[in-house]
Amino acid sequence: MTVMPATFAETRDALHRIAEEVVSPARVRATGNEIALEATPGGFGTPAFPDGGQVRVEGTELVTRAADGSETRAPLDVDPQHAERLARFFAFTWGVLATLHAEAAEPSEIHLWPEHFDIAFEDREVTYGGSPGDENHEEPYLYVAPWKAPEPAPEWNAVGFTGAETAWTDEAAALAFFRARRDAL
């Protein structure tokens, strides 16, 4: 596990605000009600709009693609290394969750939720996800959050919510964590 400098939280929080205040509202305007985002190359953004447009964060830029395919780019005042690290975390989490999603019985869609700035899906009243950090976690982590509290046990170790959490390391460890918690339920 790599310890991140304090400025990672500043970058994460700034990009979280962009997700909530700029990117997600653009999707609402384009679709009427959808707020959910997705991991995109170099960061996060909306899925393509019905007209082919899109709004996304790519590295340290806010990118707006028009229906005709033209793009405008606006610089964001965030640390490029931390923005790149966040993008890698989102891509990693999306990929791991896609593998787990394929094994799920009744999964919801995978989304990046702007209000919590996490990537997650639900299956049988359990949420599987990854967060780039929050008020209780300075570093990114993966989590399993059952809707009904499990019997107390050391592996249900989450701080700030009922469930289990672990640091993000590699794909094999992440899948082992998710599968072990799923099987314990």
N, C-alpha and C. Protein backbone atom coordinates (compact mmCIF):
# COMPACT_ATOMS: atom_id res chain seq x y z
N MET A 1 0.85 -1.17 0.00
CA MET A 1 0.00 0.00 0.00
C MET A 1 0.89 1.24 0.00
N THR A 2 0.57 2.19 -0.85
CA THR A 2 1.33 3.42 -0.94
C THR A 2 0.62 4.50 -0.14
N VAL A 3 1.35 5.18 0.72
CA VAL A 3 0.78 6.29 1.47
C VAL A 3 0.80 7.52 0.58
N MET A 4 -0.32 8.18 0.47
CA MET A 4 -0.43 9.34 -0.41
C MET A 4 -0.18 10.62 0.37
N PRO A 5 0.50 11.58 -0.27
CA PRO A 5 0.70 12.87 0.39
C PRO A 5 -0.64 13.54 0.68
N ALA A 6 -0.62 14.45 1.63
CA ALA A 6 -1.86 15.14 2.04
C ALA A 6 -2.54 15.84 0.88
N THR A 7 -1.81 16.27 -0.12
CA THR A 7 -2.43 16.99 -1.22
C THR A 7 -3.32 16.09 -2.08
N PHE A 8 -3.21 14.77 -1.95
CA PHE A 8 -4.12 13.90 -2.68
C PHE A 8 -5.56 14.21 -2.29
N ALA A 9 -5.81 14.38 -1.00
CA ALA A 9 -7.18 14.67 -0.53
C ALA A 9 -7.68 15.98 -1.14
N GLU A 10 -6.82 16.97 -1.28
CA GLU A 10 -7.23 18.24 -1.88
C GLU A 10 -7.65 18.03 -3.34
N THR A 11 -6.85 17.26 -4.07
CA THR A 11 -7.18 16.98 -5.47
C THR A 11 -8.46 16.17 -5.57
N ARG A 12 -8.56 15.12 -4.75
CA ARG A 12 -9.77 14.29 -4.74
C ARG A 12 -11.00 15.13 -4.45
N ASP A 13 -10.92 15.99 -3.44
CA ASP A 13 -12.07 16.80 -3.07
C ASP A 13 -12.43 17.80 -4.16
N ALA A 14 -11.43 18.38 -4.82
CA ALA A 14 -11.69 19.31 -5.91
C ALA A 14 -12.38 18.60 -7.08
N LEU A 15 -11.90 17.41 -7.42
CA LEU A 15 -12.51 16.65 -8.52
C LEU A 15 -13.90 16.13 -8.13
N HIS A 16 -14.09 15.84 -6.85
CA HIS A 16 -15.42 15.45 -6.36
C HIS A 16 -16.40 16.59 -6.60
N ARG A 17 -15.99 17.81 -6.29
CA ARG A 17 -16.87 18.97 -6.52
C ARG A 17 -17.19 19.12 -8.01
N ILE A 18 -16.19 18.91 -8.87
CA ILE A 18 -16.42 19.00 -10.32
C ILE A 18 -17.44 17.93 -10.74
N ALA A 19 -17.31 16.72 -10.18
CA ALA A 19 -18.27 15.64 -10.51
C ALA A 19 -19.68 16.04 -10.12
N GLU A 20 -19.83 16.58 -8.91
CA GLU A 20 -21.16 16.93 -8.41
C GLU A 20 -21.74 18.19 -9.03
N GLU A 21 -20.90 19.19 -9.26
CA GLU A 21 -21.41 20.50 -9.65
C GLU A 21 -21.37 20.78 -11.16
N VAL A 22 -20.56 19.99 -11.90
CA VAL A 22 -20.42 20.26 -13.33
C VAL A 22 -20.77 19.04 -14.18
N VAL A 23 -20.08 17.93 -13.94
CA VAL A 23 -20.22 16.77 -14.83
C VAL A 23 -21.59 16.12 -14.70
N SER A 24 -21.99 15.79 -13.49
CA SER A 24 -23.29 15.15 -13.29
C SER A 24 -24.46 16.05 -13.73
N PRO A 25 -24.46 17.35 -13.38
CA PRO A 25 -25.54 18.21 -13.87
C PRO A 25 -25.61 18.27 -15.40
N ALA A 26 -24.48 18.15 -16.07
CA ALA A 26 -24.51 18.12 -17.54
C ALA A 26 -25.27 16.89 -18.03
N ARG A 27 -25.10 15.76 -17.33
CA ARG A 27 -25.85 14.56 -17.72
C ARG A 27 -27.34 14.75 -17.45
N VAL A 28 -27.67 15.35 -16.33
CA VAL A 28 -29.08 15.59 -16.02
C VAL A 28 -29.71 16.46 -17.10
N ARG A 29 -29.01 17.52 -17.51
CA ARG A 29 -29.55 18.39 -18.58
C ARG A 29 -29.74 17.61 -19.88
N ALA A 30 -28.83 16.69 -20.17
CA ALA A 30 -28.89 15.95 -21.44
C ALA A 30 -29.92 14.82 -21.42
N THR A 31 -30.16 14.23 -20.25
CA THR A 31 -31.03 13.05 -20.18
C THR A 31 -32.33 13.28 -19.44
N GLY A 32 -32.39 14.34 -18.65
CA GLY A 32 -33.60 14.61 -17.89
C GLY A 32 -33.55 14.16 -16.46
N ASN A 33 -32.78 13.09 -16.16
CA ASN A 33 -32.76 12.66 -14.76
C ASN A 33 -31.56 11.82 -14.36
N GLU A 34 -30.77 11.34 -15.25
CA GLU A 34 -29.65 10.46 -14.89
C GLU A 34 -28.49 11.25 -14.30
N ILE A 35 -28.03 10.87 -13.09
CA ILE A 35 -26.90 11.56 -12.46
C ILE A 35 -25.62 10.72 -12.51
N ALA A 36 -25.75 9.42 -12.72
CA ALA A 36 -24.62 8.50 -12.59
C ALA A 36 -23.56 8.76 -13.66
N LEU A 37 -22.31 8.56 -13.26
CA LEU A 37 -21.16 8.75 -14.13
C LEU A 37 -20.45 7.43 -14.32
N GLU A 38 -19.29 7.46 -15.00
CA GLU A 38 -18.51 6.24 -15.22
C GLU A 38 -17.03 6.61 -15.26
N ALA A 39 -16.19 5.59 -15.08
CA ALA A 39 -14.76 5.78 -15.28
C ALA A 39 -14.54 5.95 -16.78
N THR A 40 -13.73 6.93 -17.14
CA THR A 40 -13.40 7.16 -18.55
C THR A 40 -11.88 7.24 -18.65
N PRO A 41 -11.32 7.09 -19.83
CA PRO A 41 -9.86 7.17 -19.95
C PRO A 41 -9.32 8.47 -19.35
N GLY A 42 -8.42 8.34 -18.42
CA GLY A 42 -7.82 9.50 -17.78
C GLY A 42 -8.62 10.13 -16.68
N GLY A 43 -9.76 9.53 -16.30
CA GLY A 43 -10.55 10.12 -15.23
C GLY A 43 -11.95 9.57 -15.12
N PHE A 44 -12.93 10.45 -15.27
CA PHE A 44 -14.33 10.07 -15.11
C PHE A 44 -15.18 11.02 -15.94
N GLY A 45 -16.41 10.60 -16.21
CA GLY A 45 -17.30 11.47 -16.96
C GLY A 45 -18.66 10.85 -17.15
N THR A 46 -19.43 11.48 -18.01
CA THR A 46 -20.75 10.98 -18.34
C THR A 46 -20.60 9.88 -19.38
N PRO A 47 -21.57 8.98 -19.46
CA PRO A 47 -21.65 8.16 -20.67
C PRO A 47 -21.99 9.11 -21.83
N ALA A 48 -21.87 8.63 -23.04
CA ALA A 48 -22.25 9.46 -24.18
C ALA A 48 -23.72 9.86 -24.06
N PHE A 49 -24.01 11.11 -24.36
CA PHE A 49 -25.39 11.60 -24.35
C PHE A 49 -26.13 11.03 -25.56
N PRO A 50 -27.44 11.08 -25.55
CA PRO A 50 -28.19 10.59 -26.73
C PRO A 50 -27.75 11.24 -28.04
N ASP A 51 -27.29 12.49 -27.98
CA ASP A 51 -26.84 13.17 -29.21
C ASP A 51 -25.36 12.94 -29.52
N GLY A 52 -24.67 12.14 -28.68
CA GLY A 52 -23.26 11.86 -28.90
C GLY A 52 -22.32 12.74 -28.11
N GLY A 53 -22.84 13.74 -27.44
CA GLY A 53 -22.01 14.61 -26.61
C GLY A 53 -21.56 13.90 -25.34
N GLN A 54 -20.67 14.55 -24.61
CA GLN A 54 -20.17 13.98 -23.36
C GLN A 54 -19.44 15.09 -22.59
N VAL A 55 -19.43 14.98 -21.27
CA VAL A 55 -18.62 15.83 -20.41
C VAL A 55 -17.80 14.91 -19.53
N ARG A 56 -16.49 15.18 -19.46
CA ARG A 56 -15.62 14.30 -18.67
C ARG A 56 -14.42 15.08 -18.14
N VAL A 57 -13.79 14.51 -17.13
CA VAL A 57 -12.52 15.00 -16.64
C VAL A 57 -11.46 14.04 -17.15
N GLU A 58 -10.50 14.60 -17.85
CA GLU A 58 -9.39 13.81 -18.39
C GLU A 58 -8.11 14.44 -17.86
N GLY A 59 -7.48 13.78 -16.89
CA GLY A 59 -6.29 14.35 -16.27
C GLY A 59 -6.63 15.62 -15.54
N THR A 60 -6.07 16.72 -16.00
CA THR A 60 -6.31 18.02 -15.36
C THR A 60 -7.16 18.93 -16.23
N GLU A 61 -7.99 18.33 -17.09
CA GLU A 61 -8.83 19.13 -17.97
C GLU A 61 -10.29 18.68 -17.91
N LEU A 62 -11.18 19.65 -18.01
CA LEU A 62 -12.60 19.38 -18.19
C LEU A 62 -12.84 19.38 -19.69
N VAL A 63 -13.31 18.26 -20.22
CA VAL A 63 -13.49 18.09 -21.65
C VAL A 63 -14.99 18.03 -21.95
N THR A 64 -15.42 18.86 -22.90
CA THR A 64 -16.81 18.84 -23.34
C THR A 64 -16.82 18.48 -24.82
N ARG A 65 -17.46 17.36 -25.14
CA ARG A 65 -17.58 16.93 -26.54
C ARG A 65 -18.99 17.27 -27.01
N ALA A 66 -19.06 17.98 -28.10
CA ALA A 66 -20.35 18.36 -28.69
C ALA A 66 -20.89 17.21 -29.54
N ALA A 67 -22.13 17.33 -29.93
CA ALA A 67 -22.77 16.30 -30.75
C ALA A 67 -22.02 16.08 -32.06
N ASP A 68 -21.37 17.11 -32.59
CA ASP A 68 -20.63 16.97 -33.86
C ASP A 68 -19.24 16.37 -33.67
N GLY A 69 -18.88 16.03 -32.42
CA GLY A 69 -17.58 15.42 -32.14
C GLY A 69 -16.49 16.40 -31.78
N SER A 70 -16.74 17.68 -31.93
CA SER A 70 -15.72 18.68 -31.56
C SER A 70 -15.61 18.74 -30.04
N GLU A 71 -14.41 19.08 -29.55
CA GLU A 71 -14.18 19.12 -28.11
C GLU A 71 -13.62 20.47 -27.69
N THR A 72 -14.02 20.88 -26.51
CA THR A 72 -13.40 22.03 -25.86
C THR A 72 -12.79 21.53 -24.56
N ARG A 73 -11.66 22.11 -24.21
CA ARG A 73 -10.93 21.70 -23.01
C ARG A 73 -10.67 22.91 -22.14
N ALA A 74 -10.94 22.75 -20.85
CA ALA A 74 -10.69 23.81 -19.88
C ALA A 74 -9.79 23.25 -18.79
N PRO A 75 -8.71 23.96 -18.45
CA PRO A 75 -7.81 23.46 -17.41
C PRO A 75 -8.47 23.49 -16.03
N LEU A 76 -8.11 22.49 -15.22
CA LEU A 76 -8.57 22.43 -13.84
C LEU A 76 -7.38 22.64 -12.92
N ASP A 77 -7.58 23.34 -11.84
CA ASP A 77 -6.50 23.64 -10.90
C ASP A 77 -6.35 22.48 -9.91
N VAL A 78 -5.80 21.38 -10.40
CA VAL A 78 -5.56 20.21 -9.55
C VAL A 78 -4.16 19.67 -9.83
N ASP A 79 -3.63 18.94 -8.89
CA ASP A 79 -2.31 18.35 -9.03
C ASP A 79 -2.34 17.24 -10.09
N PRO A 80 -1.52 17.32 -11.12
CA PRO A 80 -1.57 16.33 -12.20
C PRO A 80 -1.25 14.90 -11.74
N GLN A 81 -0.30 14.76 -10.83
CA GLN A 81 0.04 13.40 -10.35
C GLN A 81 -1.11 12.78 -9.56
N HIS A 82 -1.76 13.59 -8.75
CA HIS A 82 -2.88 13.07 -7.96
C HIS A 82 -4.10 12.82 -8.84
N ALA A 83 -4.31 13.66 -9.84
CA ALA A 83 -5.41 13.42 -10.78
C ALA A 83 -5.18 12.12 -11.54
N GLU A 84 -3.94 11.88 -11.93
CA GLU A 84 -3.60 10.64 -12.63
C GLU A 84 -3.78 9.42 -11.72
N ARG A 85 -3.41 9.56 -10.47
CA ARG A 85 -3.57 8.46 -9.49
C ARG A 85 -5.06 8.16 -9.27
N LEU A 86 -5.87 9.20 -9.18
CA LEU A 86 -7.31 9.02 -9.03
C LEU A 86 -7.87 8.31 -10.25
N ALA A 87 -7.44 8.71 -11.44
CA ALA A 87 -7.90 8.07 -12.68
C ALA A 87 -7.51 6.59 -12.69
N ARG A 88 -6.31 6.26 -12.23
CA ARG A 88 -5.90 4.85 -12.17
C ARG A 88 -6.76 4.08 -11.17
N PHE A 89 -7.07 4.69 -10.03
CA PHE A 89 -7.93 4.03 -9.05
C PHE A 89 -9.32 3.76 -9.64
N PHE A 90 -9.90 4.76 -10.30
CA PHE A 90 -11.22 4.56 -10.90
C PHE A 90 -11.19 3.48 -11.98
N ALA A 91 -10.18 3.48 -12.83
CA ALA A 91 -10.08 2.45 -13.87
C ALA A 91 -9.89 1.07 -13.25
N PHE A 92 -9.04 0.98 -12.24
CA PHE A 92 -8.81 -0.28 -11.53
C PHE A 92 -10.12 -0.79 -10.91
N THR A 93 -10.79 0.07 -10.17
CA THR A 93 -12.02 -0.32 -9.49
C THR A 93 -13.09 -0.73 -10.49
N TRP A 94 -13.24 0.03 -11.57
CA TRP A 94 -14.24 -0.31 -12.58
C TRP A 94 -13.96 -1.70 -13.14
N GLY A 95 -12.70 -1.99 -13.45
CA GLY A 95 -12.34 -3.29 -14.02
C GLY A 95 -12.60 -4.45 -13.06
N VAL A 96 -12.22 -4.28 -11.81
CA VAL A 96 -12.43 -5.32 -10.80
C VAL A 96 -13.93 -5.54 -10.59
N LEU A 97 -14.67 -4.45 -10.48
CA LEU A 97 -16.12 -4.59 -10.27
C LEU A 97 -16.80 -5.21 -11.49
N ALA A 98 -16.29 -4.95 -12.68
CA ALA A 98 -16.87 -5.57 -13.88
C ALA A 98 -16.70 -7.09 -13.83
N THR A 99 -15.56 -7.56 -13.35
CA THR A 99 -15.34 -9.01 -13.19
C THR A 99 -16.31 -9.56 -12.16
N LEU A 100 -16.43 -8.91 -11.02
CA LEU A 100 -17.34 -9.36 -9.96
C LEU A 100 -18.79 -9.28 -10.43
N HIS A 101 -19.12 -8.24 -11.17
CA HIS A 101 -20.46 -8.04 -11.70
C HIS A 101 -20.89 -9.22 -12.57
N ALA A 102 -19.96 -9.74 -13.36
CA ALA A 102 -20.26 -10.87 -14.25
C ALA A 102 -20.59 -12.13 -13.46
N GLU A 103 -20.16 -12.21 -12.21
CA GLU A 103 -20.43 -13.37 -11.35
C GLU A 103 -21.68 -13.19 -10.50
N ALA A 104 -22.24 -12.00 -10.50
CA ALA A 104 -23.34 -11.67 -9.60
C ALA A 104 -24.67 -12.28 -10.06
N ALA A 105 -25.55 -12.51 -9.11
CA ALA A 105 -26.86 -13.11 -9.39
C ALA A 105 -27.85 -12.10 -9.97
N GLU A 106 -27.98 -10.95 -9.33
CA GLU A 106 -28.97 -9.94 -9.72
C GLU A 106 -28.35 -8.54 -9.63
N PRO A 107 -27.30 -8.27 -10.40
CA PRO A 107 -26.58 -7.00 -10.21
C PRO A 107 -27.28 -5.80 -10.82
N SER A 108 -27.12 -4.67 -10.15
CA SER A 108 -27.49 -3.40 -10.74
C SER A 108 -26.35 -3.00 -11.68
N GLU A 109 -26.51 -1.90 -12.36
CA GLU A 109 -25.42 -1.41 -13.21
C GLU A 109 -24.29 -0.86 -12.34
N ILE A 110 -23.10 -0.88 -12.87
CA ILE A 110 -21.96 -0.25 -12.20
C ILE A 110 -22.02 1.24 -12.54
N HIS A 111 -21.88 2.06 -11.50
CA HIS A 111 -21.89 3.51 -11.70
C HIS A 111 -20.83 4.17 -10.83
N LEU A 112 -20.38 5.32 -11.26
CA LEU A 112 -19.62 6.22 -10.42
C LEU A 112 -20.64 7.23 -9.92
N TRP A 113 -20.87 7.23 -8.61
CA TRP A 113 -21.90 8.08 -8.03
C TRP A 113 -21.28 9.41 -7.61
N PRO A 114 -21.73 10.52 -8.19
CA PRO A 114 -21.09 11.81 -7.92
C PRO A 114 -21.22 12.27 -6.47
N GLU A 115 -22.33 11.94 -5.81
CA GLU A 115 -22.51 12.44 -4.44
C GLU A 115 -21.52 11.84 -3.45
N HIS A 116 -21.15 10.58 -3.63
CA HIS A 116 -20.15 9.95 -2.75
C HIS A 116 -18.79 9.83 -3.43
N PHE A 117 -18.77 10.03 -4.74
CA PHE A 117 -17.58 9.94 -5.57
C PHE A 117 -16.96 8.55 -5.49
N ASP A 118 -17.86 7.55 -5.48
CA ASP A 118 -17.39 6.17 -5.44
C ASP A 118 -17.99 5.40 -6.61
N ILE A 119 -17.38 4.26 -6.91
CA ILE A 119 -17.87 3.37 -7.96
C ILE A 119 -18.46 2.16 -7.27
N ALA A 120 -19.68 1.77 -7.66
CA ALA A 120 -20.33 0.66 -6.97
C ALA A 120 -21.42 0.03 -7.81
N PHE A 121 -21.79 -1.18 -7.39
CA PHE A 121 -23.01 -1.82 -7.88
C PHE A 121 -23.58 -2.62 -6.72
N GLU A 122 -24.85 -2.99 -6.87
CA GLU A 122 -25.54 -3.75 -5.82
C GLU A 122 -25.93 -5.12 -6.36
N ASP A 123 -25.91 -6.09 -5.47
CA ASP A 123 -26.36 -7.44 -5.79
C ASP A 123 -26.92 -8.06 -4.52
N ARG A 124 -28.18 -8.45 -4.58
CA ARG A 124 -28.84 -9.11 -3.45
C ARG A 124 -28.65 -8.37 -2.13
N GLU A 125 -28.96 -7.10 -2.12
CA GLU A 125 -28.91 -6.26 -0.92
C GLU A 125 -27.51 -6.14 -0.33
N VAL A 126 -26.51 -6.11 -1.21
CA VAL A 126 -25.13 -5.86 -0.81
C VAL A 126 -24.54 -4.90 -1.84
N THR A 127 -23.83 -3.89 -1.36
CA THR A 127 -23.15 -2.96 -2.25
C THR A 127 -21.66 -3.30 -2.28
N TYR A 128 -21.11 -3.42 -3.50
CA TYR A 128 -19.69 -3.67 -3.72
C TYR A 128 -19.12 -2.43 -4.38
N GLY A 129 -18.03 -1.90 -3.84
CA GLY A 129 -17.53 -0.68 -4.44
C GLY A 129 -16.12 -0.31 -4.06
N GLY A 130 -15.74 0.85 -4.54
CA GLY A 130 -14.44 1.43 -4.25
C GLY A 130 -14.58 2.93 -4.11
N SER A 131 -13.94 3.48 -3.10
CA SER A 131 -13.97 4.91 -2.83
C SER A 131 -12.56 5.47 -2.88
N PRO A 132 -12.38 6.67 -3.46
CA PRO A 132 -11.05 7.27 -3.47
C PRO A 132 -10.69 7.92 -2.13
N GLY A 133 -11.50 7.69 -1.12
CA GLY A 133 -11.29 8.27 0.20
C GLY A 133 -12.45 9.17 0.56
N ASP A 134 -12.55 9.47 1.83
CA ASP A 134 -13.65 10.30 2.33
C ASP A 134 -13.26 10.85 3.70
N GLU A 135 -14.25 11.37 4.42
CA GLU A 135 -13.95 11.98 5.72
C GLU A 135 -13.35 11.00 6.73
N ASN A 136 -13.55 9.70 6.54
CA ASN A 136 -12.99 8.69 7.44
C ASN A 136 -11.78 7.96 6.88
N HIS A 137 -11.43 8.24 5.63
CA HIS A 137 -10.35 7.51 4.95
C HIS A 137 -9.55 8.48 4.09
N GLU A 138 -8.29 8.65 4.40
CA GLU A 138 -7.46 9.53 3.59
C GLU A 138 -7.08 8.89 2.26
N GLU A 139 -7.06 7.58 2.23
CA GLU A 139 -6.61 6.87 1.03
C GLU A 139 -7.76 6.09 0.39
N PRO A 140 -7.61 5.77 -0.89
CA PRO A 140 -8.62 4.95 -1.57
C PRO A 140 -8.76 3.57 -0.91
N TYR A 141 -9.97 3.03 -1.01
CA TYR A 141 -10.23 1.70 -0.43
C TYR A 141 -11.37 1.04 -1.19
N LEU A 142 -11.43 -0.27 -1.05
CA LEU A 142 -12.51 -1.09 -1.60
C LEU A 142 -13.42 -1.47 -0.46
N TYR A 143 -14.69 -1.67 -0.75
CA TYR A 143 -15.61 -1.99 0.34
C TYR A 143 -16.74 -2.92 -0.09
N VAL A 144 -17.30 -3.58 0.93
CA VAL A 144 -18.52 -4.38 0.80
C VAL A 144 -19.44 -3.88 1.91
N ALA A 145 -20.65 -3.46 1.54
CA ALA A 145 -21.59 -2.89 2.50
C ALA A 145 -22.93 -3.61 2.41
N PRO A 146 -23.15 -4.62 3.26
CA PRO A 146 -24.46 -5.28 3.26
C PRO A 146 -25.52 -4.35 3.81
N TRP A 147 -26.73 -4.45 3.26
CA TRP A 147 -27.82 -3.60 3.72
C TRP A 147 -28.26 -3.97 5.13
N LYS A 148 -28.11 -5.24 5.47
CA LYS A 148 -28.42 -5.73 6.82
C LYS A 148 -27.10 -6.09 7.49
N ALA A 149 -26.86 -5.57 8.68
CA ALA A 149 -25.58 -5.78 9.35
C ALA A 149 -25.29 -7.27 9.54
N PRO A 150 -24.09 -7.71 9.16
CA PRO A 150 -23.71 -9.10 9.38
C PRO A 150 -23.38 -9.33 10.86
N GLU A 151 -23.28 -10.60 11.21
CA GLU A 151 -22.84 -10.93 12.57
C GLU A 151 -21.45 -10.34 12.79
N PRO A 152 -21.19 -9.77 13.96
CA PRO A 152 -19.87 -9.19 14.21
C PRO A 152 -18.75 -10.22 14.01
N ALA A 153 -17.71 -9.80 13.33
CA ALA A 153 -16.52 -10.63 13.09
C ALA A 153 -15.39 -9.69 12.67
N PRO A 154 -14.15 -10.09 12.88
CA PRO A 154 -13.01 -9.21 12.57
C PRO A 154 -12.98 -8.74 11.11
N GLU A 155 -13.47 -9.57 10.19
CA GLU A 155 -13.40 -9.16 8.79
C GLU A 155 -14.41 -8.08 8.43
N TRP A 156 -15.40 -7.84 9.28
CA TRP A 156 -16.34 -6.74 9.06
C TRP A 156 -15.76 -5.52 9.79
N ASN A 157 -14.79 -4.89 9.17
CA ASN A 157 -13.90 -3.92 9.80
C ASN A 157 -14.09 -2.48 9.35
N ALA A 158 -15.14 -2.17 8.65
CA ALA A 158 -15.30 -0.84 8.05
C ALA A 158 -15.36 0.26 9.10
N VAL A 159 -14.81 1.40 8.73
CA VAL A 159 -14.86 2.59 9.58
C VAL A 159 -15.83 3.57 8.93
N GLY A 160 -16.87 3.97 9.67
CA GLY A 160 -17.83 4.94 9.17
C GLY A 160 -19.06 4.33 8.52
N PHE A 161 -19.10 3.01 8.34
CA PHE A 161 -20.27 2.33 7.79
C PHE A 161 -20.21 0.87 8.19
N THR A 162 -21.33 0.16 8.04
CA THR A 162 -21.38 -1.26 8.37
C THR A 162 -20.91 -2.05 7.16
N GLY A 163 -19.84 -2.80 7.33
CA GLY A 163 -19.33 -3.59 6.23
C GLY A 163 -17.87 -3.93 6.41
N ALA A 164 -17.21 -4.16 5.27
CA ALA A 164 -15.80 -4.52 5.26
C ALA A 164 -15.07 -3.60 4.29
N GLU A 165 -13.81 -3.36 4.57
CA GLU A 165 -13.00 -2.53 3.69
C GLU A 165 -11.58 -3.07 3.63
N THR A 166 -10.91 -2.72 2.53
CA THR A 166 -9.51 -3.08 2.36
C THR A 166 -8.85 -2.06 1.44
N ALA A 167 -7.56 -1.96 1.52
CA ALA A 167 -6.81 -1.08 0.63
C ALA A 167 -6.81 -1.66 -0.78
N TRP A 168 -6.66 -0.84 -1.79
CA TRP A 168 -6.53 -1.33 -3.16
C TRP A 168 -5.07 -1.64 -3.41
N THR A 169 -4.84 -2.83 -3.89
CA THR A 169 -3.47 -3.26 -4.15
C THR A 169 -3.36 -3.78 -5.58
N ASP A 170 -3.87 -4.99 -5.79
CA ASP A 170 -3.84 -5.57 -7.14
C ASP A 170 -5.15 -6.30 -7.38
N GLU A 171 -5.36 -6.68 -8.62
CA GLU A 171 -6.64 -7.27 -9.02
C GLU A 171 -6.93 -8.57 -8.28
N ALA A 172 -5.95 -9.45 -8.15
CA ALA A 172 -6.17 -10.73 -7.48
C ALA A 172 -6.59 -10.52 -6.03
N ALA A 173 -5.90 -9.63 -5.32
CA ALA A 173 -6.24 -9.36 -3.92
C ALA A 173 -7.63 -8.72 -3.81
N ALA A 174 -7.94 -7.82 -4.73
CA ALA A 174 -9.25 -7.16 -4.69
C ALA A 174 -10.37 -8.17 -4.91
N LEU A 175 -10.22 -9.02 -5.92
CA LEU A 175 -11.26 -10.02 -6.18
C LEU A 175 -11.37 -11.01 -5.03
N ALA A 176 -10.25 -11.39 -4.43
CA ALA A 176 -10.28 -12.30 -3.27
C ALA A 176 -11.05 -11.65 -2.12
N PHE A 177 -10.81 -10.37 -1.88
CA PHE A 177 -11.54 -9.65 -0.83
C PHE A 177 -13.04 -9.66 -1.11
N PHE A 178 -13.44 -9.23 -2.31
CA PHE A 178 -14.86 -9.17 -2.63
C PHE A 178 -15.52 -10.55 -2.55
N ARG A 179 -14.88 -11.55 -3.10
CA ARG A 179 -15.46 -12.89 -3.10
C ARG A 179 -15.56 -13.47 -1.69
N ALA A 180 -14.56 -13.23 -0.86
CA ALA A 180 -14.60 -13.74 0.51
C ALA A 180 -15.74 -13.10 1.29
N ARG A 181 -15.93 -11.80 1.13
CA ARG A 181 -17.02 -11.12 1.84
C ARG A 181 -18.37 -11.56 1.29
N ARG A 182 -18.47 -11.72 -0.03
CA ARG A 182 -19.72 -12.20 -0.63
C ARG A 182 -20.05 -13.60 -0.10
N ASP A 183 -19.06 -14.47 -0.08
CA ASP A 183 -19.28 -15.84 0.39
C ASP A 183 -19.62 -15.89 1.87
N ALA A 184 -19.09 -14.96 2.67
CA ALA A 184 -19.39 -14.93 4.10
C ALA A 184 -20.84 -14.53 4.37
N LEU A 185 -21.42 -13.81 3.41
CA LEU A 185 -22.82 -13.39 3.58
C LEU A 185 -23.78 -14.49 3.15
